[in-house]
N, C-alpha and C. Protein backbone atom coordinates (compact mmCIF):
# COMPACT_ATOMS: atom_id res chain seq x y z
N CYS A 1 149.82 28.47 68.10
CA CYS A 1 151.16 28.44 68.67
C CYS A 1 151.44 27.04 69.18
N LEU A 2 152.49 26.43 68.68
CA LEU A 2 152.87 25.10 69.14
C LEU A 2 153.80 25.21 70.32
N ARG A 3 153.54 24.45 71.34
CA ARG A 3 154.43 24.41 72.50
C ARG A 3 154.82 22.98 72.75
N GLN A 4 156.05 22.84 73.23
CA GLN A 4 156.48 21.52 73.66
C GLN A 4 156.03 21.36 75.11
N TRP A 5 155.69 20.20 75.49
CA TRP A 5 155.25 19.94 76.86
C TRP A 5 156.04 18.80 77.42
N TYR A 6 156.38 18.94 78.68
CA TYR A 6 156.93 17.82 79.43
C TYR A 6 155.72 17.13 80.03
N SER A 7 155.71 15.84 80.04
CA SER A 7 154.57 15.20 80.71
C SER A 7 155.07 14.34 81.85
N GLN A 8 154.32 14.39 82.93
CA GLN A 8 154.56 13.56 84.09
C GLN A 8 153.22 12.96 84.41
N PRO A 9 153.17 11.86 85.15
CA PRO A 9 151.88 11.28 85.49
C PRO A 9 150.95 12.33 86.10
N ASP A 10 149.80 12.51 85.51
CA ASP A 10 148.74 13.41 85.98
C ASP A 10 149.15 14.88 85.99
N LYS A 11 150.29 15.24 85.42
CA LYS A 11 150.70 16.64 85.43
C LYS A 11 151.28 16.99 84.06
N VAL A 12 151.01 18.18 83.60
CA VAL A 12 151.59 18.68 82.37
C VAL A 12 152.31 19.99 82.72
N ILE A 13 153.58 20.06 82.38
CA ILE A 13 154.37 21.23 82.71
C ILE A 13 154.80 21.90 81.39
N PRO A 14 154.42 23.14 81.18
CA PRO A 14 154.87 23.79 79.95
C PRO A 14 156.37 23.97 79.94
N ASN A 15 156.95 23.89 78.78
CA ASN A 15 158.40 24.02 78.60
C ASN A 15 158.85 25.45 78.88
N GLU A 16 157.96 26.42 78.72
CA GLU A 16 158.33 27.81 78.95
C GLU A 16 158.04 28.16 80.40
N ILE A 17 159.05 28.61 81.10
CA ILE A 17 158.93 28.93 82.53
C ILE A 17 159.37 30.37 82.72
N VAL A 18 158.52 31.18 83.28
CA VAL A 18 158.89 32.54 83.62
C VAL A 18 158.89 32.62 85.14
N THR A 19 160.01 33.01 85.72
CA THR A 19 160.14 33.05 87.17
C THR A 19 160.14 34.48 87.63
N PRO A 20 159.06 34.95 88.26
CA PRO A 20 159.10 36.30 88.83
C PRO A 20 160.07 36.33 90.01
N LEU A 21 160.65 37.47 90.27
CA LEU A 21 161.63 37.57 91.36
C LEU A 21 161.00 37.35 92.72
N SER A 22 159.70 37.61 92.83
CA SER A 22 159.04 37.51 94.13
C SER A 22 158.25 36.21 94.27
N THR A 23 158.80 35.11 93.78
CA THR A 23 158.14 33.82 93.91
C THR A 23 158.12 33.41 95.38
N PRO A 24 156.95 33.17 95.96
CA PRO A 24 156.93 32.72 97.35
C PRO A 24 157.54 31.32 97.44
N SER A 25 158.41 31.14 98.42
CA SER A 25 159.09 29.85 98.53
C SER A 25 158.16 28.76 99.03
N SER A 26 156.98 29.14 99.51
CA SER A 26 156.06 28.13 100.06
C SER A 26 155.33 27.35 98.96
N SER A 27 155.29 27.89 97.74
CA SER A 27 154.59 27.15 96.68
C SER A 27 155.56 26.15 96.05
N HIS A 28 155.21 24.89 96.12
CA HIS A 28 156.10 23.85 95.60
C HIS A 28 155.41 23.06 94.51
N SER A 29 154.80 23.73 93.57
CA SER A 29 154.22 23.03 92.45
C SER A 29 155.36 22.46 91.61
N PRO A 30 155.08 21.42 90.81
CA PRO A 30 156.16 20.87 89.95
C PRO A 30 156.78 21.96 89.07
N ARG A 31 155.95 22.88 88.60
CA ARG A 31 156.44 23.95 87.75
C ARG A 31 157.43 24.84 88.51
N THR A 32 157.10 25.19 89.75
CA THR A 32 157.98 26.02 90.56
C THR A 32 159.27 25.27 90.89
N MET A 33 159.16 23.99 91.22
CA MET A 33 160.35 23.21 91.54
C MET A 33 161.27 23.10 90.33
N LEU A 34 160.69 22.92 89.14
CA LEU A 34 161.48 22.86 87.92
C LEU A 34 162.18 24.19 87.68
N ALA A 35 161.45 25.29 87.87
CA ALA A 35 162.02 26.63 87.69
C ALA A 35 163.14 26.87 88.71
N ASP A 36 162.93 26.45 89.96
CA ASP A 36 163.95 26.60 90.99
C ASP A 36 165.22 25.82 90.64
N GLN A 37 165.04 24.61 90.11
CA GLN A 37 166.19 23.80 89.69
C GLN A 37 166.99 24.51 88.61
N GLU A 38 166.30 25.05 87.63
CA GLU A 38 166.98 25.75 86.54
C GLU A 38 167.64 27.03 87.05
N THR A 39 166.99 27.73 87.96
CA THR A 39 167.58 28.94 88.56
C THR A 39 168.89 28.58 89.26
N GLU A 40 168.89 27.48 90.00
CA GLU A 40 170.13 27.04 90.69
C GLU A 40 171.22 26.71 89.68
N LYS A 41 170.86 26.07 88.57
CA LYS A 41 171.87 25.75 87.54
C LYS A 41 172.43 27.02 86.90
N ILE A 42 171.55 28.03 86.71
CA ILE A 42 172.00 29.29 86.14
C ILE A 42 172.92 30.01 87.12
N LYS A 43 172.53 30.01 88.41
CA LYS A 43 173.40 30.62 89.43
C LYS A 43 174.74 29.93 89.48
N SER A 44 174.74 28.62 89.31
CA SER A 44 175.98 27.84 89.32
C SER A 44 176.90 28.29 88.18
N LEU A 45 176.33 28.55 87.01
CA LEU A 45 177.11 29.05 85.87
C LEU A 45 177.81 30.36 86.24
N PHE A 46 177.04 31.30 86.81
CA PHE A 46 177.65 32.60 87.13
C PHE A 46 178.59 32.52 88.33
N GLU A 47 178.38 31.55 89.21
CA GLU A 47 179.32 31.31 90.30
C GLU A 47 180.65 30.82 89.71
N THR A 48 180.60 30.00 88.67
CA THR A 48 181.81 29.54 87.98
C THR A 48 182.53 30.71 87.33
N VAL A 49 181.77 31.61 86.69
CA VAL A 49 182.38 32.82 86.09
C VAL A 49 183.08 33.62 87.18
N ARG A 50 182.41 33.76 88.32
CA ARG A 50 182.98 34.52 89.45
C ARG A 50 184.28 33.90 89.93
N GLN A 51 184.25 32.57 90.18
CA GLN A 51 185.44 31.88 90.66
C GLN A 51 186.59 31.95 89.65
N ALA A 52 186.27 31.80 88.37
CA ALA A 52 187.30 31.82 87.33
C ALA A 52 187.98 33.19 87.30
N ASN A 53 187.22 34.26 87.48
CA ASN A 53 187.81 35.60 87.51
C ASN A 53 188.65 35.80 88.76
N LEU A 54 188.15 35.37 89.90
CA LEU A 54 188.92 35.55 91.15
C LEU A 54 190.21 34.74 91.11
N GLN A 55 190.17 33.55 90.51
CA GLN A 55 191.34 32.68 90.44
C GLN A 55 192.18 32.93 89.19
N GLN A 56 191.67 33.79 88.30
CA GLN A 56 192.31 34.06 87.01
C GLN A 56 192.60 32.74 86.27
N ASP A 57 191.57 31.91 86.19
CA ASP A 57 191.66 30.59 85.56
C ASP A 57 190.96 30.65 84.20
N ILE A 58 191.75 30.84 83.14
CA ILE A 58 191.16 31.05 81.81
C ILE A 58 190.43 29.82 81.29
N ASP A 59 190.94 28.64 81.61
CA ASP A 59 190.27 27.42 81.14
C ASP A 59 188.88 27.28 81.79
N LEU A 60 188.82 27.52 83.08
CA LEU A 60 187.54 27.47 83.78
C LEU A 60 186.61 28.55 83.24
N PHE A 61 187.14 29.74 83.02
CA PHE A 61 186.35 30.86 82.50
C PHE A 61 185.72 30.49 81.15
N MET A 62 186.50 29.90 80.27
CA MET A 62 186.01 29.61 78.92
C MET A 62 184.98 28.47 78.90
N THR A 63 184.96 27.63 79.95
CA THR A 63 183.94 26.56 80.00
C THR A 63 182.54 27.15 80.18
N CYS A 64 182.44 28.41 80.54
CA CYS A 64 181.15 29.06 80.79
C CYS A 64 180.49 29.55 79.51
N PHE A 65 181.24 29.53 78.40
CA PHE A 65 180.74 30.10 77.16
C PHE A 65 180.36 29.01 76.16
N SER A 66 179.28 29.28 75.45
CA SER A 66 178.77 28.36 74.43
C SER A 66 179.78 28.20 73.30
N ARG A 67 179.70 27.06 72.65
CA ARG A 67 180.51 26.84 71.44
C ARG A 67 180.21 27.91 70.40
N ASP A 68 178.96 28.42 70.40
CA ASP A 68 178.51 29.39 69.41
C ASP A 68 178.69 30.84 69.85
N PHE A 69 179.35 31.06 70.98
CA PHE A 69 179.56 32.44 71.45
C PHE A 69 180.39 33.17 70.41
N THR A 70 179.89 34.33 69.97
CA THR A 70 180.58 35.12 68.96
C THR A 70 181.90 35.63 69.55
N ASP A 71 182.96 35.51 68.79
CA ASP A 71 184.29 36.01 69.20
C ASP A 71 184.77 35.37 70.49
N ARG A 72 184.69 34.06 70.57
CA ARG A 72 185.19 33.33 71.75
C ARG A 72 186.64 33.68 72.06
N GLU A 73 187.47 33.69 71.01
CA GLU A 73 188.89 33.96 71.20
C GLU A 73 189.10 35.39 71.69
N LYS A 74 188.33 36.33 71.15
CA LYS A 74 188.43 37.72 71.60
C LYS A 74 188.05 37.82 73.08
N LYS A 75 187.02 37.09 73.50
CA LYS A 75 186.60 37.09 74.90
C LYS A 75 187.72 36.55 75.79
N ARG A 76 188.38 35.50 75.33
CA ARG A 76 189.49 34.90 76.08
C ARG A 76 190.63 35.91 76.24
N LEU A 77 190.98 36.59 75.15
CA LEU A 77 192.07 37.57 75.19
C LEU A 77 191.71 38.77 76.05
N GLU A 78 190.43 39.21 76.00
CA GLU A 78 189.98 40.32 76.86
C GLU A 78 190.13 39.96 78.34
N ALA A 79 189.75 38.74 78.70
CA ALA A 79 189.86 38.30 80.08
C ALA A 79 191.32 38.31 80.54
N LEU A 80 192.20 37.75 79.71
CA LEU A 80 193.63 37.71 80.06
C LEU A 80 194.20 39.12 80.19
N LYS A 81 193.80 40.01 79.29
CA LYS A 81 194.28 41.40 79.34
C LYS A 81 193.81 42.08 80.63
N THR A 82 192.53 41.87 80.97
CA THR A 82 191.98 42.45 82.21
C THR A 82 192.75 41.94 83.42
N TRP A 83 193.00 40.64 83.45
CA TRP A 83 193.71 40.04 84.59
C TRP A 83 195.15 40.54 84.68
N ASN A 84 195.75 40.94 83.55
CA ASN A 84 197.10 41.50 83.56
C ASN A 84 197.15 42.86 84.24
N HIS A 85 196.04 43.59 84.21
CA HIS A 85 196.00 44.95 84.73
C HIS A 85 195.30 45.09 86.09
N PHE A 86 194.43 44.15 86.42
CA PHE A 86 193.63 44.28 87.63
C PHE A 86 193.66 42.99 88.46
N ASN A 87 193.55 43.18 89.77
CA ASN A 87 193.30 42.07 90.69
C ASN A 87 191.88 42.22 91.17
N TYR A 88 191.08 41.16 91.04
CA TYR A 88 189.74 41.21 91.59
C TYR A 88 189.82 40.91 93.09
N LEU A 89 189.33 41.84 93.89
CA LEU A 89 189.30 41.65 95.33
C LEU A 89 188.00 40.98 95.75
N ASN A 90 186.92 41.37 95.08
CA ASN A 90 185.64 40.76 95.35
C ASN A 90 184.76 40.91 94.12
N LEU A 91 184.01 39.89 93.85
CA LEU A 91 183.03 39.89 92.76
C LEU A 91 181.76 39.31 93.32
N SER A 92 180.65 39.98 93.07
CA SER A 92 179.38 39.39 93.44
C SER A 92 178.37 39.77 92.37
N TYR A 93 177.32 38.99 92.28
CA TYR A 93 176.30 39.27 91.28
C TYR A 93 174.92 39.09 91.88
N HIS A 94 173.98 39.74 91.24
CA HIS A 94 172.58 39.63 91.66
C HIS A 94 171.77 39.35 90.39
N LEU A 95 171.07 38.22 90.37
CA LEU A 95 170.22 37.87 89.24
C LEU A 95 168.97 38.72 89.33
N LYS A 96 168.80 39.65 88.40
CA LYS A 96 167.70 40.60 88.46
C LYS A 96 166.44 40.09 87.79
N LYS A 97 166.59 39.38 86.68
CA LYS A 97 165.43 38.76 86.03
C LYS A 97 165.89 37.60 85.21
N GLN A 98 164.98 36.68 84.98
CA GLN A 98 165.28 35.56 84.10
C GLN A 98 164.00 35.07 83.47
N MET A 99 164.13 34.62 82.24
CA MET A 99 163.02 34.00 81.56
C MET A 99 163.57 32.77 80.88
N ILE A 100 163.11 31.62 81.30
CA ILE A 100 163.60 30.35 80.77
C ILE A 100 162.55 29.83 79.80
N SER A 101 163.01 29.47 78.61
CA SER A 101 162.12 28.92 77.59
C SER A 101 162.83 27.72 76.97
N GLY A 102 162.53 26.54 77.50
CA GLY A 102 163.15 25.33 76.96
C GLY A 102 164.64 25.31 77.16
N GLU A 103 165.37 25.33 76.04
CA GLU A 103 166.84 25.20 76.07
C GLU A 103 167.54 26.55 76.08
N THR A 104 166.77 27.66 76.16
CA THR A 104 167.39 28.98 76.20
C THR A 104 166.86 29.76 77.40
N ALA A 105 167.62 30.74 77.82
CA ALA A 105 167.20 31.60 78.92
C ALA A 105 167.73 33.00 78.66
N ASP A 106 166.90 33.99 78.99
CA ASP A 106 167.32 35.39 78.97
C ASP A 106 167.45 35.82 80.42
N VAL A 107 168.59 36.34 80.79
CA VAL A 107 168.79 36.80 82.17
C VAL A 107 169.38 38.20 82.17
N ARG A 108 169.08 38.92 83.23
CA ARG A 108 169.73 40.20 83.49
C ARG A 108 170.39 40.06 84.85
N LEU A 109 171.66 40.41 84.91
CA LEU A 109 172.34 40.35 86.17
C LEU A 109 173.20 41.58 86.36
N GLU A 110 173.38 41.90 87.64
CA GLU A 110 174.20 43.04 88.00
C GLU A 110 175.41 42.51 88.76
N TRP A 111 176.59 42.88 88.29
CA TRP A 111 177.83 42.51 88.94
C TRP A 111 178.33 43.69 89.77
N LEU A 112 178.78 43.40 90.96
CA LEU A 112 179.48 44.39 91.78
C LEU A 112 180.93 43.94 91.78
N ILE A 113 181.80 44.82 91.27
CA ILE A 113 183.19 44.46 91.06
C ILE A 113 184.08 45.35 91.91
N ARG A 114 184.84 44.75 92.81
CA ARG A 114 185.87 45.48 93.57
C ARG A 114 187.20 44.97 93.08
N SER A 115 188.02 45.88 92.61
CA SER A 115 189.31 45.49 92.06
C SER A 115 190.37 46.51 92.41
N SER A 116 191.60 46.14 92.20
CA SER A 116 192.70 47.09 92.35
C SER A 116 193.57 47.00 91.11
N VAL A 117 194.12 48.13 90.75
CA VAL A 117 195.05 48.18 89.62
C VAL A 117 196.33 47.51 90.07
N LYS A 118 196.90 46.63 89.23
CA LYS A 118 198.11 45.91 89.63
C LYS A 118 199.28 46.84 89.87
N VAL A 119 199.41 47.88 89.05
CA VAL A 119 200.49 48.84 89.23
C VAL A 119 199.87 50.06 89.93
N GLY A 120 200.29 50.29 91.15
CA GLY A 120 199.77 51.43 91.90
C GLY A 120 198.71 51.05 92.92
N GLY A 121 198.01 49.95 92.70
CA GLY A 121 197.08 49.41 93.69
C GLY A 121 195.84 50.23 93.97
N LYS A 122 195.47 51.15 93.09
CA LYS A 122 194.29 51.98 93.32
C LYS A 122 193.02 51.12 93.33
N LEU A 123 192.22 51.28 94.40
CA LEU A 123 190.97 50.52 94.51
C LEU A 123 189.91 51.08 93.61
N GLN A 124 189.12 50.19 93.01
CA GLN A 124 188.01 50.60 92.16
C GLN A 124 186.80 49.77 92.52
N GLU A 125 185.63 50.38 92.44
CA GLU A 125 184.39 49.64 92.64
C GLU A 125 183.44 50.02 91.51
N ASN A 126 182.93 49.02 90.82
CA ASN A 126 182.04 49.26 89.69
C ASN A 126 180.81 48.35 89.79
N ARG A 127 179.70 48.87 89.26
CA ARG A 127 178.51 48.06 89.07
C ARG A 127 178.31 47.94 87.57
N VAL A 128 178.12 46.71 87.10
CA VAL A 128 177.90 46.47 85.68
C VAL A 128 176.64 45.62 85.54
N THR A 129 175.70 46.12 84.73
CA THR A 129 174.48 45.35 84.48
C THR A 129 174.56 44.79 83.06
N LEU A 130 174.30 43.50 82.95
CA LEU A 130 174.39 42.80 81.68
C LEU A 130 173.12 42.01 81.39
N ASP A 131 172.77 41.95 80.13
CA ASP A 131 171.76 41.01 79.67
C ASP A 131 172.52 39.86 79.01
N ALA A 132 172.14 38.65 79.35
CA ALA A 132 172.82 37.49 78.77
C ALA A 132 171.79 36.52 78.21
N ILE A 133 172.13 35.94 77.09
CA ILE A 133 171.33 34.86 76.54
C ILE A 133 172.10 33.59 76.81
N LEU A 134 171.44 32.65 77.46
CA LEU A 134 172.06 31.38 77.82
C LEU A 134 171.47 30.28 76.96
N ARG A 135 172.24 29.24 76.76
CA ARG A 135 171.77 28.08 76.02
C ARG A 135 172.27 26.82 76.69
N LYS A 136 171.43 25.81 76.69
CA LYS A 136 171.87 24.54 77.26
C LYS A 136 172.68 23.76 76.25
N GLU A 137 173.84 23.27 76.71
CA GLU A 137 174.69 22.39 75.91
C GLU A 137 175.03 21.21 76.81
N ASN A 138 174.68 20.03 76.36
CA ASN A 138 174.93 18.80 77.15
C ASN A 138 174.37 18.94 78.57
N GLY A 139 173.18 19.54 78.68
CA GLY A 139 172.51 19.63 79.97
C GLY A 139 173.01 20.74 80.88
N ARG A 140 173.97 21.54 80.42
CA ARG A 140 174.53 22.62 81.25
C ARG A 140 174.29 23.96 80.58
N TRP A 141 173.98 24.97 81.39
CA TRP A 141 173.78 26.32 80.85
C TRP A 141 175.13 26.92 80.48
N LYS A 142 175.17 27.55 79.31
CA LYS A 142 176.36 28.23 78.80
C LYS A 142 175.95 29.62 78.32
N ILE A 143 176.88 30.56 78.37
CA ILE A 143 176.62 31.91 77.90
C ILE A 143 176.77 31.94 76.38
N GLN A 144 175.70 32.34 75.70
CA GLN A 144 175.73 32.42 74.25
C GLN A 144 175.99 33.85 73.77
N GLU A 145 175.46 34.81 74.53
CA GLU A 145 175.60 36.21 74.14
C GLU A 145 175.53 37.09 75.35
N ILE A 146 176.27 38.18 75.36
CA ILE A 146 176.26 39.16 76.48
C ILE A 146 176.10 40.55 75.88
N LYS A 147 175.22 41.33 76.49
CA LYS A 147 175.06 42.72 76.08
C LYS A 147 175.03 43.60 77.32
N PRO A 148 175.84 44.67 77.34
CA PRO A 148 175.75 45.60 78.45
C PRO A 148 174.40 46.32 78.41
N VAL A 149 173.88 46.67 79.58
CA VAL A 149 172.62 47.40 79.68
C VAL A 149 172.94 48.87 79.88
N GLY A 150 172.26 49.71 79.13
CA GLY A 150 172.42 51.16 79.33
C GLY A 150 173.51 51.75 78.56
C-alpha cells in the first residue's frame, strides 16, 4: 500500500488522519494539531452553510459546493424553493464523525432545524443526519456529495 507522507524535520505525519470524537485535548502531537486544524476548516464550511441558509444567501450557499457536485443547479433551485416556503429560525449542527484522508474527507453530521412555514407560521423542528464527502479545492473544503442517513 503506497501512502503519501508529509515530512517535517524529525517527524513524519501520515496523510491519512482519523479523528476519534473523544480525542483528549491535552495531546498536542503534530498529527493531532494537523487533525484539529482540518476539523476547524470543516466546521467553518458547515458554519458557512448555516449562515447562508439563515441569511437566504444563495451565492454564499453555492460557494460551499464542489465544482464536481452532481446537480449543482438542482441544489441551487432546491435551496431557493425551500427558502420561498420556510423561514429558518435556528440551525445548528453536530459533527458526529469524520475521516480525513489527504484531499478528501468523509463526515457525518446531524442538523437540528427549527423553521416556520412562511404562510401560516407553523413551527417545525427536524433532525436530519447526513453523510457528506468533502474535497479540498484551492485549499478549502467543499461539499462533493451528500447522502441522507437512514
